[in-house]
PDB file of N, CA and C in Angstrom:
ATOM      1  N   UNK A   1     132.521  82.161 -15.294  1.00  0.00           N
ATOM      2  CA  UNK A   1     133.184  83.049 -15.184  1.00  0.00           C
ATOM      3  C   UNK A   1     132.046  83.331 -14.001  1.00  0.00           C
ATOM      4  N   UNK A   2     132.109  83.646 -12.744  1.00  0.00           N
ATOM      5  CA  UNK A   2     130.854  84.296 -11.903  1.00  0.00           C
ATOM      6  C   UNK A   2     131.170  85.882 -11.014  1.00  0.00           C
ATOM      7  N   UNK A   3     130.553  86.871 -10.840  1.00  0.00           N
ATOM      8  CA  UNK A   3     130.919  87.710 -10.121  1.00  0.00           C
ATOM      9  C   UNK A   3     130.004  87.700  -8.946  1.00  0.00           C
ATOM     10  N   UNK A   4     130.720  87.670  -7.390  1.00  0.00           N
ATOM     11  CA  UNK A   4     129.628  87.351  -6.831  1.00  0.00           C
ATOM     12  C   UNK A   4     129.799  89.333  -5.829  1.00  0.00           C
ATOM     13  N   UNK A   5     128.809  89.549  -4.707  1.00  0.00           N
ATOM     14  CA  UNK A   5     129.141  90.651  -4.042  1.00  0.00           C
ATOM     15  C   UNK A   5     128.512  90.604  -3.319  1.00  0.00           C
ATOM     16  N   UNK A   6     128.805  91.565  -2.181  1.00  0.00           N
ATOM     17  CA  UNK A   6     128.712  91.909  -0.566  1.00  0.00           C
ATOM     18  C   UNK A   6     129.081  92.654   0.354  1.00  0.00           C
ATOM     19  N   UNK A   7     128.372  93.321   0.880  1.00  0.00           N
ATOM     20  CA  UNK A   7     128.457  95.022   1.276  1.00  0.00           C
ATOM     21  C   UNK A   7     128.265  94.859   3.303  1.00  0.00           C
ATOM     22  N   UNK A   8     129.147  95.427   3.755  1.00  0.00           N
ATOM     23  CA  UNK A   8     129.551  94.884   5.184  1.00  0.00           C
ATOM     24  C   UNK A   8     130.181  96.580   5.778  1.00  0.00           C
ATOM     25  N   UNK A   9     129.447  97.034   6.586  1.00  0.00           N
ATOM     26  CA  UNK A   9     130.469  97.989   6.895  1.00  0.00           C
ATOM     27  C   UNK A   9     130.792  99.356   5.951  1.00  0.00           C
ATOM     28  N   UNK A  10     129.928  99.594   5.541  1.00  0.00           N
ATOM     29  CA  UNK A  10     130.096 100.635   4.414  1.00  0.00           C
ATOM     30  C   UNK A  10     130.696  99.958   3.369  1.00  0.00           C
ATOM     31  N   UNK A  11     131.105  99.123   2.957  1.00  0.00           N
ATOM     32  CA  UNK A  11     132.214  98.974   1.537  1.00  0.00           C
ATOM     33  C   UNK A  11     131.444  97.885   1.803  1.00  0.00           C
ATOM     34  N   UNK A  12     131.812  98.053  -0.034  1.00  0.00           N
ATOM     35  CA  UNK A  12     131.273  96.522  -0.862  1.00  0.00           C
ATOM     36  C   UNK A  12     132.816  95.969  -1.432  1.00  0.00           C
ATOM     37  N   UNK A  13     132.192  94.688  -1.192  1.00  0.00           N
ATOM     38  CA  UNK A  13     133.164  93.808  -1.917  1.00  0.00           C
ATOM     39  C   UNK A  13     133.067  92.673  -3.192  1.00  0.00           C
ATOM     40  N   UNK A  14     133.284  92.827  -4.075  1.00  0.00           N
ATOM     41  CA  UNK A  14     133.309  92.007  -5.396  1.00  0.00           C
ATOM     42  C   UNK A  14     134.002  91.372  -5.925  1.00  0.00           C
ATOM     43  N   UNK A  15     134.499  90.037  -5.879  1.00  0.00           N
ATOM     44  CA  UNK A  15     135.231  89.187  -6.602  1.00  0.00           C
ATOM     45  C   UNK A  15     134.570  88.437  -7.121  1.00  0.00           C
ATOM     46  N   UNK A  16     135.460  88.220  -8.493  1.00  0.00           N
ATOM     47  CA  UNK A  16     135.869  87.435  -9.924  1.00  0.00           C
ATOM     48  C   UNK A  16     135.773  85.699  -9.651  1.00  0.00           C
ATOM     49  N   UNK A  17     135.890  85.692  -9.915  1.00  0.00           N
ATOM     50  CA  UNK A  17     136.013  83.905  -9.549  1.00  0.00           C
ATOM     51  C   UNK A  17     136.153  82.767 -11.616  1.00  0.00           C
ATOM     52  N   UNK A  18     137.471  82.827 -11.965  1.00  0.00           N
ATOM     53  CA  UNK A  18     137.190  82.119 -13.315  1.00  0.00           C
ATOM     54  C   UNK A  18     136.687  80.702 -13.609  1.00  0.00           C
ATOM     55  N   UNK A  19     136.907  79.629 -12.228  1.00  0.00           N
ATOM     56  CA  UNK A  19     136.319  79.099 -12.341  1.00  0.00           C
ATOM     57  C   UNK A  19     136.819  77.865 -13.034  1.00  0.00           C
ATOM     58  N   UNK A  20     138.151  78.236 -13.980  1.00  0.00           N
ATOM     59  CA  UNK A  20     139.008  77.644 -14.992  1.00  0.00           C
ATOM     60  C   UNK A  20     140.596  77.476 -14.481  1.00  0.00           C
ATOM     61  N   UNK A  21     140.896  76.655 -13.466  1.00  0.00           N
ATOM     62  CA  UNK A  21     142.041  76.179 -13.196  1.00  0.00           C
ATOM     63  C   UNK A  21     142.906  76.645 -14.339  1.00  0.00           C
ATOM     64  N   UNK A  22     143.966  77.147 -14.476  1.00  0.00           N
ATOM     65  CA  UNK A  22     145.329  76.930 -15.556  1.00  0.00           C
ATOM     66  C   UNK A  22     145.329  77.991 -16.446  1.00  0.00           C
ATOM     67  N   UNK A  23     144.303  79.120 -16.762  1.00  0.00           N
ATOM     68  CA  UNK A  23     144.316  80.494 -17.387  1.00  0.00           C
ATOM     69  C   UNK A  23     145.325  80.789 -17.194  1.00  0.00           C
ATOM     70  N   UNK A  24     145.578  82.708 -18.132  1.00  0.00           N
ATOM     71  CA  UNK A  24     146.279  82.840 -18.698  1.00  0.00           C
ATOM     72  C   UNK A  24     146.486  83.453 -16.983  1.00  0.00           C
ATOM     73  N   UNK A  25     148.301  84.004 -16.981  1.00  0.00           N
ATOM     74  CA  UNK A  25     148.661  84.326 -15.691  1.00  0.00           C
ATOM     75  C   UNK A  25     147.904  86.155 -15.204  1.00  0.00           C
ATOM     76  N   UNK A  26     148.173  86.508 -14.120  1.00  0.00           N
ATOM     77  CA  UNK A  26     147.212  87.992 -13.312  1.00  0.00           C
ATOM     78  C   UNK A  26     148.054  89.060 -14.503  1.00  0.00           C
ATOM     79  N   UNK A  27     146.983  89.341 -14.985  1.00  0.00           N
ATOM     80  CA  UNK A  27     147.767  91.287 -15.586  1.00  0.00           C
ATOM     81  C   UNK A  27     148.085  91.823 -14.509  1.00  0.00           C
ATOM     82  N   UNK A  28     150.047  92.684 -14.599  1.00  0.00           N
ATOM     83  CA  UNK A  28     150.349  93.178 -13.586  1.00  0.00           C
ATOM     84  C   UNK A  28     149.377  94.887 -13.703  1.00  0.00           C
ATOM     85  N   UNK A  29     148.546  95.242 -15.019  1.00  0.00           N
ATOM     86  CA  UNK A  29     148.374  96.186 -14.702  1.00  0.00           C
ATOM     87  C   UNK A  29     146.680  95.909 -14.153  1.00  0.00           C
ATOM     88  N   UNK A  30     145.900  95.220 -13.245  1.00  0.00           N
ATOM     89  CA  UNK A  30     144.752  94.908 -12.921  1.00  0.00           C
ATOM     90  C   UNK A  30     144.964  95.814 -11.760  1.00  0.00           C
ATOM     91  N   UNK A  31     145.614  95.554 -11.019  1.00  0.00           N
ATOM     92  CA  UNK A  31     145.841  95.707  -9.626  1.00  0.00           C
ATOM     93  C   UNK A  31     145.666  97.381  -9.199  1.00  0.00           C
ATOM     94  N   UNK A  32     146.735  97.693 -10.027  1.00  0.00           N
ATOM     95  CA  UNK A  32     146.685  99.708  -9.788  1.00  0.00           C
ATOM     96  C   UNK A  32     146.248 100.287 -10.811  1.00  0.00           C
ATOM     97  N   UNK A  33     144.715  99.295 -11.150  1.00  0.00           N
ATOM     98  CA  UNK A  33     144.422 100.129 -11.794  1.00  0.00           C
ATOM     99  C   UNK A  33     142.672 100.318 -11.318  1.00  0.00           C
ATOM    100  N   UNK A  34     142.339  99.068 -10.980  1.00  0.00           N
ATOM    101  CA  UNK A  34     141.690  98.989  -9.081  1.00  0.00           C
ATOM    102  C   UNK A  34     141.965 100.132  -7.995  1.00  0.00           C
ATOM    103  N   UNK A  35     143.140 100.234  -7.600  1.00  0.00           N
ATOM    104  CA  UNK A  35     143.869 101.181  -7.001  1.00  0.00           C
ATOM    105  C   UNK A  35     143.241 102.661  -7.256  1.00  0.00           C
ATOM    106  N   UNK A  36     143.560 102.925  -8.187  1.00  0.00           N
ATOM    107  CA  UNK A  36     143.467 104.632  -8.844  1.00  0.00           C
ATOM    108  C   UNK A  36     141.854 104.802  -9.335  1.00  0.00           C
ATOM    109  N   UNK A  37     140.476 103.102  -9.543  1.00  0.00           N
ATOM    110  CA  UNK A  37     139.360 103.460  -9.258  1.00  0.00           C
ATOM    111  C   UNK A  37     138.918 103.582  -8.691  1.00  0.00           C
ATOM    112  N   UNK A  38     139.452 103.168  -7.045  1.00  0.00           N
ATOM    113  CA  UNK A  38     139.137 103.740  -5.788  1.00  0.00           C
ATOM    114  C   UNK A  38     139.694 102.681  -4.926  1.00  0.00           C
ATOM    115  N   UNK A  39     139.716 101.795  -5.354  1.00  0.00           N
ATOM    116  CA  UNK A  39     139.549 100.609  -3.729  1.00  0.00           C
ATOM    117  C   UNK A  39     140.436 100.682  -2.962  1.00  0.00           C
ATOM    118  N   UNK A  40     140.106 100.234  -1.610  1.00  0.00           N
ATOM    119  CA  UNK A  40     140.454 100.636  -0.291  1.00  0.00           C
ATOM    120  C   UNK A  40     141.681  99.423  -0.287  1.00  0.00           C
ATOM    121  N   UNK A  41     141.129  98.109  -1.168  1.00  0.00           N
ATOM    122  CA  UNK A  41     142.083  96.815  -0.746  1.00  0.00           C
ATOM    123  C   UNK A  41     142.253  96.329  -2.376  1.00  0.00           C
ATOM    124  N   UNK A  42     143.029  95.331  -3.041  1.00  0.00           N
ATOM    125  CA  UNK A  42     142.280  95.131  -3.824  1.00  0.00           C
ATOM    126  C   UNK A  42     143.229  93.316  -4.044  1.00  0.00           C
ATOM    127  N   UNK A  43     143.259  92.074  -4.661  1.00  0.00           N
ATOM    128  CA  UNK A  43     143.754  91.420  -4.633  1.00  0.00           C
ATOM    129  C   UNK A  43     143.937  89.986  -5.674  1.00  0.00           C
ATOM    130  N   UNK A  44     144.344  89.212  -6.409  1.00  0.00           N
ATOM    131  CA  UNK A  44     144.364  88.298  -6.543  1.00  0.00           C
ATOM    132  C   UNK A  44     145.121  87.095  -6.073  1.00  0.00           C
ATOM    133  N   UNK A  45     143.996  85.611  -6.280  1.00  0.00           N
ATOM    134  CA  UNK A  45     145.359  84.440  -6.047  1.00  0.00           C
ATOM    135  C   UNK A  45     144.391  83.315  -7.248  1.00  0.00           C
ATOM    136  N   UNK A  46     145.071  82.792  -7.337  1.00  0.00           N
ATOM    137  CA  UNK A  46     145.154  81.447  -7.657  1.00  0.00           C
ATOM    138  C   UNK A  46     145.380  79.589  -6.490  1.00  0.00           C
ATOM    139  N   UNK A  47     144.449  78.515  -7.560  1.00  0.00           N
ATOM    140  CA  UNK A  47     143.655  77.623  -6.376  1.00  0.00           C
ATOM    141  C   UNK A  47     143.502  76.608  -7.609  1.00  0.00           C
ATOM    142  N   UNK A  48     143.650  75.024  -7.453  1.00  0.00           N
ATOM    143  CA  UNK A  48     143.098  74.472  -8.285  1.00  0.00           C
ATOM    144  C   UNK A  48     141.738  74.702  -9.286  1.00  0.00           C
ATOM    145  N   UNK A  49     141.106  75.344  -8.591  1.00  0.00           N
ATOM    146  CA  UNK A  49     139.794  75.203  -8.769  1.00  0.00           C
ATOM    147  C   UNK A  49     139.749  76.396  -9.822  1.00  0.00           C
ATOM    148  N   UNK A  50     140.494  77.645 -10.003  1.00  0.00           N
ATOM    149  CA  UNK A  50     140.132  79.141 -10.720  1.00  0.00           C
ATOM    150  C   UNK A  50     141.179  80.194 -10.275  1.00  0.00           C
ATOM    151  N   UNK A  51     141.658  80.616 -10.577  1.00  0.00           N
ATOM    152  CA  UNK A  51     141.362  82.305 -10.673  1.00  0.00           C
ATOM    153  C   UNK A  51     140.498  82.826  -9.389  1.00  0.00           C
ATOM    154  N   UNK A  52     140.723  83.722  -8.612  1.00  0.00           N
ATOM    155  CA  UNK A  52     139.580  84.666  -7.810  1.00  0.00           C
ATOM    156  C   UNK A  52     140.767  86.201  -7.846  1.00  0.00           C
ATOM    157  N   UNK A  53     139.557  86.974  -8.527  1.00  0.00           N
ATOM    158  CA  UNK A  53     140.119  88.448  -8.432  1.00  0.00           C
ATOM    159  C   UNK A  53     139.095  89.380  -7.862  1.00  0.00           C
ATOM    160  N   UNK A  54     140.015  89.612  -6.382  1.00  0.00           N
ATOM    161  CA  UNK A  54     138.435  90.497  -5.029  1.00  0.00           C
ATOM    162  C   UNK A  54     139.047  92.373  -5.445  1.00  0.00           C
ATOM    163  N   UNK A  55     138.155  92.865  -4.954  1.00  0.00           N
ATOM    164  CA  UNK A  55     138.358  94.568  -4.581  1.00  0.00           C
ATOM    165  C   UNK A  55     137.238  94.787  -3.561  1.00  0.00           C
ATOM    166  N   UNK A  56     137.786  95.912  -2.657  1.00  0.00           N
ATOM    167  CA  UNK A  56     137.263  95.928  -1.583  1.00  0.00           C
ATOM    168  C   UNK A  56     137.167  97.294  -1.793  1.00  0.00           C
ATOM    169  N   UNK A  57     135.785  98.682  -1.616  1.00  0.00           N
ATOM    170  CA  UNK A  57     135.265 100.137  -2.283  1.00  0.00           C
ATOM    171  C   UNK A  57     134.400 100.169  -1.056  1.00  0.00           C
ATOM    172  N   UNK A  58     134.408 101.517  -0.808  1.00  0.00           N
ATOM    173  CA  UNK A  58     133.681 102.347   0.181  1.00  0.00           C
ATOM    174  C   UNK A  58     132.740 102.776  -0.439  1.00  0.00           C
ATOM    175  N   UNK A  59     131.175 102.543   0.429  1.00  0.00           N
ATOM    176  CA  UNK A  59     130.013 102.834  -0.186  1.00  0.00           C
ATOM    177  C   UNK A  59     129.426 104.223   0.381  1.00  0.00           C
TER     178      UNK A  59
END
């Protein structure tokens, strides 16, 4: 797993990458929890190289 951070226009982008294809399906509680914690937007997707979860937060 790796975590990547970036900032632009007074917002932070946080991305977590699994790097392992075929792991467990997305937990449906994660995205609503990120929103309650103040994420402006968030999402998840899967690809051949693993799963990605991202959130954008105002700084």
